[in-house]
Amino acid sequence: MLKFTIAGINDAPVVREIYNEHVKAGRSTMDRTPLSLAQIEGWFQGFNERELIVLLKRDEQVVGWGIIKRYSDREGYARACETAIYLRGSEVRKGYGTMLKKWIIDKCRELGYHHLVAKIFADNIASIEYNKRLGYTIVGTQKEIGYIDGRWQDVTIMQLLI
């Protein structure tokens, strides 16, 4: 059985585990060093009332999580947020990312966001395509913005207006 739950600071270990899987694999994040539990707990402690992490559980096991975080702390950006999804490597291509993103889009609408941003490695075609299917459009590509494992990494910026 699948269910969504809003994560709290006590969920930081599983959020860290999944995130660090992505760090180690070199996918989905510019972080290169695995994050500590204290760093992940800091995310939760720094959230405002319109920021959150949601867990997707299958039979009480977390298969992935998604985040809604402020785009900027400047007042004029109050209706803009960044969204991201992180799944266990063993759980990709099963529709969980789409389920999480749809939940996040609905929650963003409920929280009063208007402009949702997704930043995706430009060579991650599958992620770009699934975001397109959910209504995101490509704004542009930041060329050579990251440097990972001896090579430059481009990032595609996508947006969804709700």
C-alpha atoms as a PDB file:
ATOM      1  CA  MET A   1       0.000   0.000   0.000  1.00  0.00           C
ATOM      2  CA  LEU A   2       1.331   3.451  -0.941  1.00  0.00           C
ATOM      3  CA  LYS A   3       0.978   6.530   1.222  1.00  0.00           C
ATOM      4  CA  PHE A   4       2.375  10.036   1.497  1.00  0.00           C
ATOM      5  CA  THR A   5       3.487  11.461   4.835  1.00  0.00           C
ATOM      6  CA  ILE A   6       4.962  14.838   5.702  1.00  0.00           C
ATOM      7  CA  ALA A   7       8.454  14.214   7.044  1.00  0.00           C
ATOM      8  CA  GLY A   8       9.679  15.553  10.348  1.00  0.00           C
ATOM      9  CA  ILE A   9      13.115  15.837  11.859  1.00  0.00           C
ATOM     10  CA  ASN A  10      12.855  12.213  13.071  1.00  0.00           C
ATOM     11  CA  ASP A  11      12.787  11.183   9.393  1.00  0.00           C
ATOM     12  CA  ALA A  12      16.150  12.835   8.732  1.00  0.00           C
ATOM     13  CA  PRO A  13      18.033   9.472   8.727  1.00  0.00           C
ATOM     14  CA  VAL A  14      16.011   8.027   5.826  1.00  0.00           C
ATOM     15  CA  VAL A  15      16.073  11.338   3.920  1.00  0.00           C
ATOM     16  CA  ARG A  16      19.851  11.363   4.378  1.00  0.00           C
ATOM     17  CA  GLU A  17      20.208   7.743   3.275  1.00  0.00           C
ATOM     18  CA  ILE A  18      18.354   8.314  -0.003  1.00  0.00           C
ATOM     19  CA  TYR A  19      19.958  11.682  -0.692  1.00  0.00           C
ATOM     20  CA  ASN A  20      23.456  10.335  -0.088  1.00  0.00           C
ATOM     21  CA  GLU A  21      22.742   7.484  -2.496  1.00  0.00           C
ATOM     22  CA  HIS A  22      22.343  10.191  -5.153  1.00  0.00           C
ATOM     23  CA  VAL A  23      25.470  12.015  -3.969  1.00  0.00           C
ATOM     24  CA  LYS A  24      27.554   8.826  -4.208  1.00  0.00           C
ATOM     25  CA  ALA A  25      26.138   7.956  -7.626  1.00  0.00           C
ATOM     26  CA  GLY A  26      26.837  11.458  -8.916  1.00  0.00           C
ATOM     27  CA  ARG A  27      23.268  11.956 -10.075  1.00  0.00           C
ATOM     28  CA  SER A  28      20.651  14.558  -9.307  1.00  0.00           C
ATOM     29  CA  THR A  29      22.758  16.795  -7.086  1.00  0.00           C
ATOM     30  CA  MET A  30      25.854  18.954  -7.217  1.00  0.00           C
ATOM     31  CA  ASP A  31      26.778  17.801  -3.711  1.00  0.00           C
ATOM     32  CA  ARG A  32      29.887  15.637  -3.925  1.00  0.00           C
ATOM     33  CA  THR A  33      30.360  14.762  -0.263  1.00  0.00           C
ATOM     34  CA  PRO A  34      27.681  12.772   1.576  1.00  0.00           C
ATOM     35  CA  LEU A  35      25.759  14.926   4.015  1.00  0.00           C
ATOM     36  CA  SER A  36      25.762  14.322   7.746  1.00  0.00           C
ATOM     37  CA  LEU A  37      22.663  13.704   9.793  1.00  0.00           C
ATOM     38  CA  ALA A  38      23.140  17.130  11.396  1.00  0.00           C
ATOM     39  CA  GLN A  39      23.109  18.769   7.949  1.00  0.00           C
ATOM     40  CA  ILE A  40      19.831  17.076   7.005  1.00  0.00           C
ATOM     41  CA  GLU A  41      18.338  17.970  10.394  1.00  0.00           C
ATOM     42  CA  GLY A  42      19.385  21.546   9.628  1.00  0.00           C
ATOM     43  CA  TRP A  43      17.157  21.486   6.557  1.00  0.00           C
ATOM     44  CA  PHE A  44      14.150  20.711   8.728  1.00  0.00           C
ATOM     45  CA  GLN A  45      15.116  23.297  11.329  1.00  0.00           C
ATOM     46  CA  GLY A  46      15.492  25.953   8.619  1.00  0.00           C
ATOM     47  CA  PHE A  47      12.134  25.331   6.930  1.00  0.00           C
ATOM     48  CA  ASN A  48       9.440  27.959   7.067  1.00  0.00           C
ATOM     49  CA  GLU A  49       5.709  27.142   7.231  1.00  0.00           C
ATOM     50  CA  ARG A  50       5.559  26.693   3.425  1.00  0.00           C
ATOM     51  CA  GLU A  51       8.554  24.363   3.046  1.00  0.00           C
ATOM     52  CA  LEU A  52       8.503  20.616   3.571  1.00  0.00           C
ATOM     53  CA  ILE A  53       9.705  17.169   2.692  1.00  0.00           C
ATOM     54  CA  VAL A  54       7.153  14.495   1.837  1.00  0.00           C
ATOM     55  CA  LEU A  55       7.895  10.780   2.033  1.00  0.00           C
ATOM     56  CA  LEU A  56       6.385   8.175  -0.271  1.00  0.00           C
ATOM     57  CA  LYS A  57       6.041   4.884   1.569  1.00  0.00           C
ATOM     58  CA  ARG A  58       5.205   1.449   0.229  1.00  0.00           C
ATOM     59  CA  ASP A  59       4.198  -0.897   3.039  1.00  0.00           C
ATOM     60  CA  GLU A  60       5.842   1.475   5.560  1.00  0.00           C
ATOM     61  CA  GLN A  61       9.158   1.438   3.671  1.00  0.00           C
ATOM     62  CA  VAL A  62      10.271   4.803   2.261  1.00  0.00           C
ATOM     63  CA  VAL A  63      10.844   4.504  -1.502  1.00  0.00           C
ATOM     64  CA  GLY A  64      11.586   8.184  -2.022  1.00  0.00           C
ATOM     65  CA  TRP A  65      10.942  11.728  -0.992  1.00  0.00           C
ATOM     66  CA  GLY A  66      10.237  15.116  -2.479  1.00  0.00           C
ATOM     67  CA  ILE A  67      10.926  18.628  -1.302  1.00  0.00           C
ATOM     68  CA  ILE A  68       9.254  22.002  -1.581  1.00  0.00           C
ATOM     69  CA  LYS A  69      11.648  24.766  -0.634  1.00  0.00           C
ATOM     70  CA  ARG A  70      11.635  28.503  -1.052  1.00  0.00           C
ATOM     71  CA  TYR A  71      13.211  29.800  -4.215  1.00  0.00           C
ATOM     72  CA  SER A  72      14.650  32.764  -2.355  1.00  0.00           C
ATOM     73  CA  ASP A  73      14.189  34.419   1.011  1.00  0.00           C
ATOM     74  CA  ARG A  74      13.533  37.758  -0.715  1.00  0.00           C
ATOM     75  CA  GLU A  75       9.937  38.851  -0.210  1.00  0.00           C
ATOM     76  CA  GLY A  76       9.156  39.325  -3.909  1.00  0.00           C
ATOM     77  CA  TYR A  77       9.844  35.617  -4.525  1.00  0.00           C
ATOM     78  CA  ALA A  78       7.324  34.474  -1.905  1.00  0.00           C
ATOM     79  CA  ARG A  79       5.146  32.758  -4.538  1.00  0.00           C
ATOM     80  CA  ALA A  80       8.075  30.836  -6.107  1.00  0.00           C
ATOM     81  CA  CYS A  81       9.546  27.569  -4.882  1.00  0.00           C
ATOM     82  CA  GLU A  82      11.953  24.875  -5.980  1.00  0.00           C
ATOM     83  CA  THR A  83      10.837  21.266  -6.170  1.00  0.00           C
ATOM     84  CA  ALA A  84      12.897  18.071  -6.308  1.00  0.00           C
ATOM     85  CA  ILE A  85      12.366  14.322  -6.042  1.00  0.00           C
ATOM     86  CA  TYR A  86      14.806  11.678  -4.804  1.00  0.00           C
ATOM     87  CA  LEU A  87      14.046   7.959  -5.142  1.00  0.00           C
ATOM     88  CA  ARG A  88      16.011   4.935  -4.050  1.00  0.00           C
ATOM     89  CA  GLY A  89      17.941   3.640  -7.046  1.00  0.00           C
ATOM     90  CA  SER A  90      16.008   0.362  -6.855  1.00  0.00           C
ATOM     91  CA  GLU A  91      12.692   2.234  -7.145  1.00  0.00           C
ATOM     92  CA  VAL A  92      13.151   4.260 -10.333  1.00  0.00           C
ATOM     93  CA  ARG A  93      11.002   3.769 -13.428  1.00  0.00           C
ATOM     94  CA  LYS A  94       8.052   2.499 -11.400  1.00  0.00           C
ATOM     95  CA  GLY A  95       5.989   5.693 -11.499  1.00  0.00           C
ATOM     96  CA  TYR A  96       6.916   6.806  -7.984  1.00  0.00           C
ATOM     97  CA  GLY A  97       8.611   9.998  -9.165  1.00  0.00           C
ATOM     98  CA  THR A  98       5.469  11.013 -11.031  1.00  0.00           C
ATOM     99  CA  MET A  99       3.299  10.260  -8.009  1.00  0.00           C
ATOM    100  CA  LEU A 100       5.551  12.329  -5.760  1.00  0.00           C
ATOM    101  CA  LYS A 101       5.726  15.231  -8.192  1.00  0.00           C
ATOM    102  CA  LYS A 102       1.934  15.299  -8.634  1.00  0.00           C
ATOM    103  CA  TRP A 103       1.512  15.360  -4.850  1.00  0.00           C
ATOM    104  CA  ILE A 104       4.033  18.193  -4.624  1.00  0.00           C
ATOM    105  CA  ILE A 105       2.303  20.214  -7.353  1.00  0.00           C
ATOM    106  CA  ASP A 106      -1.030  19.872  -5.524  1.00  0.00           C
ATOM    107  CA  LYS A 107       0.599  20.837  -2.219  1.00  0.00           C
ATOM    108  CA  CYS A 108       2.278  23.856  -3.835  1.00  0.00           C
ATOM    109  CA  ARG A 109      -1.118  25.004  -5.065  1.00  0.00           C
ATOM    110  CA  GLU A 110      -2.514  24.581  -1.532  1.00  0.00           C
ATOM    111  CA  LEU A 111       0.424  26.545  -0.075  1.00  0.00           C
ATOM    112  CA  GLY A 112      -0.165  29.457  -2.449  1.00  0.00           C
ATOM    113  CA  TYR A 113       2.804  28.998  -4.744  1.00  0.00           C
ATOM    114  CA  HIS A 114       2.491  30.188  -8.338  1.00  0.00           C
ATOM    115  CA  HIS A 115       5.908  29.462  -9.874  1.00  0.00           C
ATOM    116  CA  LEU A 116       7.578  26.062  -9.389  1.00  0.00           C
ATOM    117  CA  VAL A 117      11.196  25.523 -10.444  1.00  0.00           C
ATOM    118  CA  ALA A 118      13.032  22.273 -11.151  1.00  0.00           C
ATOM    119  CA  LYS A 119      16.787  22.113 -11.792  1.00  0.00           C
ATOM    120  CA  ILE A 120      17.871  18.973 -13.633  1.00  0.00           C
ATOM    121  CA  PHE A 121      21.177  17.753 -14.994  1.00  0.00           C
ATOM    122  CA  ALA A 122      20.870  18.458 -18.727  1.00  0.00           C
ATOM    123  CA  ASP A 123      21.852  14.899 -19.628  1.00  0.00           C
ATOM    124  CA  ASN A 124      19.072  13.444 -17.452  1.00  0.00           C
ATOM    125  CA  ILE A 125      16.615  13.179 -20.332  1.00  0.00           C
ATOM    126  CA  ALA A 126      14.232  10.869 -18.455  1.00  0.00           C
ATOM    127  CA  SER A 127      13.763  13.421 -15.656  1.00  0.00           C
ATOM    128  CA  ILE A 128      13.320  16.277 -18.096  1.00  0.00           C
ATOM    129  CA  GLU A 129      10.703  14.317 -20.041  1.00  0.00           C
ATOM    130  CA  TYR A 130       8.722  13.316 -16.962  1.00  0.00           C
ATOM    131  CA  ASN A 131       8.660  16.933 -15.787  1.00  0.00           C
ATOM    132  CA  LYS A 132       7.390  17.944 -19.239  1.00  0.00           C
ATOM    133  CA  ARG A 133       4.595  15.371 -18.956  1.00  0.00           C
ATOM    134  CA  LEU A 134       3.600  17.043 -15.683  1.00  0.00           C
ATOM    135  CA  GLY A 135       3.400  20.475 -17.307  1.00  0.00           C
ATOM    136  CA  TYR A 136       6.864  21.889 -16.637  1.00  0.00           C
ATOM    137  CA  THR A 137       8.499  23.752 -19.500  1.00  0.00           C
ATOM    138  CA  ILE A 138      12.165  24.354 -20.183  1.00  0.00           C
ATOM    139  CA  VAL A 139      13.288  27.882 -19.399  1.00  0.00           C
ATOM    140  CA  GLY A 140      16.881  27.331 -20.462  1.00  0.00           C
ATOM    141  CA  THR A 141      20.134  25.571 -19.789  1.00  0.00           C
ATOM    142  CA  GLN A 142      22.909  26.845 -17.588  1.00  0.00           C
ATOM    143  CA  LYS A 143      26.040  25.767 -19.428  1.00  0.00           C
ATOM    144  CA  GLU A 144      28.992  24.419 -17.467  1.00  0.00           C
ATOM    145  CA  ILE A 145      27.591  25.535 -14.122  1.00  0.00           C
ATOM    146  CA  GLY A 146      28.881  22.524 -12.203  1.00  0.00           C
ATOM    147  CA  TYR A 147      32.149  20.629 -12.270  1.00  0.00           C
ATOM    148  CA  ILE A 148      31.876  16.953 -11.386  1.00  0.00           C
ATOM    149  CA  ASP A 149      34.454  14.203 -11.761  1.00  0.00           C
ATOM    150  CA  GLY A 150      36.655  16.198 -14.086  1.00  0.00           C
ATOM    151  CA  ARG A 151      33.962  17.434 -16.436  1.00  0.00           C
ATOM    152  CA  TRP A 152      31.601  20.378 -16.713  1.00  0.00           C
ATOM    153  CA  GLN A 153      27.922  19.761 -16.014  1.00  0.00           C
ATOM    154  CA  ASP A 154      25.036  21.656 -17.619  1.00  0.00           C
ATOM    155  CA  VAL A 155      21.748  22.140 -15.741  1.00  0.00           C
ATOM    156  CA  THR A 156      18.350  22.527 -17.390  1.00  0.00           C
ATOM    157  CA  ILE A 157      15.991  24.905 -15.602  1.00  0.00           C
ATOM    158  CA  MET A 158      12.291  24.073 -15.855  1.00  0.00           C
ATOM    159  CA  GLN A 159       9.232  25.863 -14.532  1.00  0.00           C
ATOM    160  CA  LEU A 160       5.564  25.234 -13.934  1.00  0.00           C
ATOM    161  CA  LEU A 161       3.091  28.080 -13.442  1.00  0.00           C
ATOM    162  CA  ILE A 162       0.046  27.128 -11.376  1.00  0.00           C
END
